[in-house]
Amino acid sequence: MATVNQRVFIESLPTFVLQEVALRGWVCRMRVLGKTIFIVLKDCSGEVQCVAAPESIKEHHLKLEDAVEIVGRVRREARAKAGYELDIFKFASSIAQGSVSPSIRFLISTRWVQRR
């Protein structure tokens, strides 16, 4: 069972359905539809769609390619490309806050390799 301090890779999310997990990656796509924002998060193992209210993300001034950490609950969603989504509980953009953790720093420095 994952805890919020343990990193989970996107490819292993189906084993954590209805559990709270922490994901680290970068923003691949974003779209706002009504009162919902959809963020497609990508890491070295795949991508997942994350869902939240725009007000909860607004203060982070999120842009494409930002390295972030998202804590949320995994749920099955038939309409999602991967078959599951992540409901965002906590959102941290270490880049905007100026305190870059070693794992986020690694993501930033190797992002061009992982995108191939």
Protein backbone atom coordinates (compact mmCIF):
# COMPACT_ATOMS: atom_id res chain seq x y z
CA MET A 1 0.00 0.00 0.00
CA ALA A 2 1.35 3.41 -0.98
CA THR A 3 1.64 6.30 1.40
CA VAL A 4 1.77 9.94 0.38
CA ASN A 5 5.53 9.99 1.03
CA GLN A 6 6.14 7.10 -1.36
CA ARG A 7 6.48 7.78 -5.06
CA VAL A 8 4.29 5.70 -7.33
CA PHE A 9 4.93 5.42 -11.06
CA ILE A 10 2.02 5.97 -13.40
CA GLU A 11 2.25 2.51 -14.95
CA SER A 12 1.47 0.94 -11.54
CA LEU A 13 -1.63 3.07 -10.82
CA PRO A 14 -4.17 0.29 -11.61
CA THR A 15 -2.97 -1.58 -8.52
CA PHE A 16 -3.76 1.46 -6.32
CA VAL A 17 -7.43 2.05 -7.29
CA LEU A 18 -9.31 3.89 -4.48
CA GLN A 19 -6.03 4.59 -2.66
CA GLU A 20 -4.16 7.84 -2.11
CA VAL A 21 -0.84 8.09 -3.98
CA ALA A 22 1.88 10.64 -4.76
CA LEU A 23 2.95 11.14 -8.37
CA ARG A 24 5.90 13.15 -9.65
CA GLY A 25 6.23 14.19 -13.25
CA TRP A 26 5.66 17.06 -15.61
CA VAL A 27 2.59 18.62 -17.13
CA CYS A 28 2.03 17.27 -20.64
CA ARG A 29 -1.39 18.84 -21.42
CA MET A 30 -3.99 20.96 -19.65
CA ARG A 31 -7.58 21.85 -20.43
CA VAL A 32 -10.33 23.61 -18.54
CA LEU A 33 -13.91 22.50 -19.12
CA GLY A 34 -16.50 24.31 -17.03
CA LYS A 35 -15.67 23.93 -13.35
CA THR A 36 -13.04 21.24 -13.88
CA ILE A 37 -9.39 21.32 -14.93
CA PHE A 38 -7.81 18.27 -16.52
CA ILE A 39 -4.03 17.94 -16.22
CA VAL A 40 -2.26 15.18 -18.11
CA LEU A 41 0.77 14.27 -16.02
CA LYS A 42 3.64 12.34 -17.57
CA ASP A 43 6.54 10.46 -16.00
CA CYS A 44 9.05 7.94 -17.36
CA SER A 45 6.47 5.13 -17.24
CA GLY A 46 3.43 6.73 -18.88
CA GLU A 47 0.77 9.39 -18.51
CA VAL A 48 -2.42 9.86 -16.52
CA GLN A 49 -5.21 12.40 -16.46
CA CYS A 50 -5.60 14.28 -13.17
CA VAL A 51 -8.80 16.14 -12.23
CA ALA A 52 -9.33 19.17 -9.96
CA ALA A 53 -11.23 22.42 -9.56
CA PRO A 54 -9.44 25.32 -11.32
CA GLU A 55 -9.46 27.39 -8.11
CA SER A 56 -7.26 24.81 -6.35
CA ILE A 57 -4.57 25.06 -9.06
CA LYS A 58 -4.77 28.77 -9.95
CA GLU A 59 -2.25 29.96 -7.33
CA HIS A 60 0.51 27.79 -8.83
CA HIS A 61 0.44 29.52 -12.26
CA LEU A 62 0.88 26.15 -13.91
CA LYS A 63 2.39 25.92 -17.40
CA LEU A 64 3.16 23.08 -19.79
CA GLU A 65 6.39 21.22 -18.97
CA ASP A 66 6.31 22.27 -15.27
CA ALA A 67 7.68 19.57 -12.95
CA VAL A 68 5.14 18.88 -10.21
CA GLU A 69 4.14 16.54 -7.42
CA ILE A 70 0.48 15.59 -7.17
CA VAL A 71 -1.18 13.72 -4.31
CA GLY A 72 -4.59 12.26 -5.00
CA ARG A 73 -6.90 9.28 -5.10
CA VAL A 74 -6.90 6.87 -8.05
CA ARG A 75 -10.29 5.93 -9.46
CA ARG A 76 -11.51 3.92 -12.43
CA GLU A 77 -12.87 6.01 -15.28
CA ALA A 78 -14.02 4.30 -18.47
CA ARG A 79 -13.85 7.54 -20.48
CA ALA A 80 -10.18 8.13 -19.63
CA LYS A 81 -7.55 6.96 -22.10
CA ALA A 82 -5.81 4.76 -19.53
CA GLY A 83 -9.05 3.61 -17.85
CA TYR A 84 -8.40 5.49 -14.60
CA GLU A 85 -7.93 9.06 -13.34
CA LEU A 86 -6.45 10.79 -10.32
CA ASP A 87 -8.58 13.14 -8.21
CA ILE A 88 -6.16 15.80 -6.95
CA PHE A 89 -6.03 16.42 -3.18
CA LYS A 90 -2.69 18.24 -2.94
CA PHE A 91 -0.69 19.94 -5.62
CA ALA A 92 2.92 21.11 -5.30
CA SER A 93 4.90 22.88 -7.96
CA SER A 94 8.39 22.95 -6.48
CA ILE A 95 9.70 25.10 -9.28
CA ALA A 96 7.30 27.97 -8.50
CA GLN A 97 8.08 27.81 -4.79
CA GLY A 98 11.83 27.97 -5.38
CA SER A 99 12.64 24.90 -3.29
CA VAL A 100 13.42 22.14 -5.72
CA SER A 101 13.60 18.66 -4.21
CA PRO A 102 16.30 16.29 -5.53
CA SER A 103 13.73 14.07 -7.25
CA ILE A 104 12.10 17.01 -9.05
CA ARG A 105 15.56 18.34 -9.98
CA PHE A 106 16.32 14.93 -11.53
CA LEU A 107 13.06 15.01 -13.52
CA ILE A 108 13.93 18.43 -14.89
CA SER A 109 17.47 17.47 -15.87
CA THR A 110 16.44 14.21 -17.63
CA ARG A 111 13.09 15.25 -19.09
CA TRP A 112 14.46 15.41 -22.64
CA VAL A 113 15.72 11.80 -22.34
CA GLN A 114 12.45 10.47 -20.91
CA ARG A 115 10.34 12.06 -23.65
CA ARG A 116 11.95 10.00 -26.43
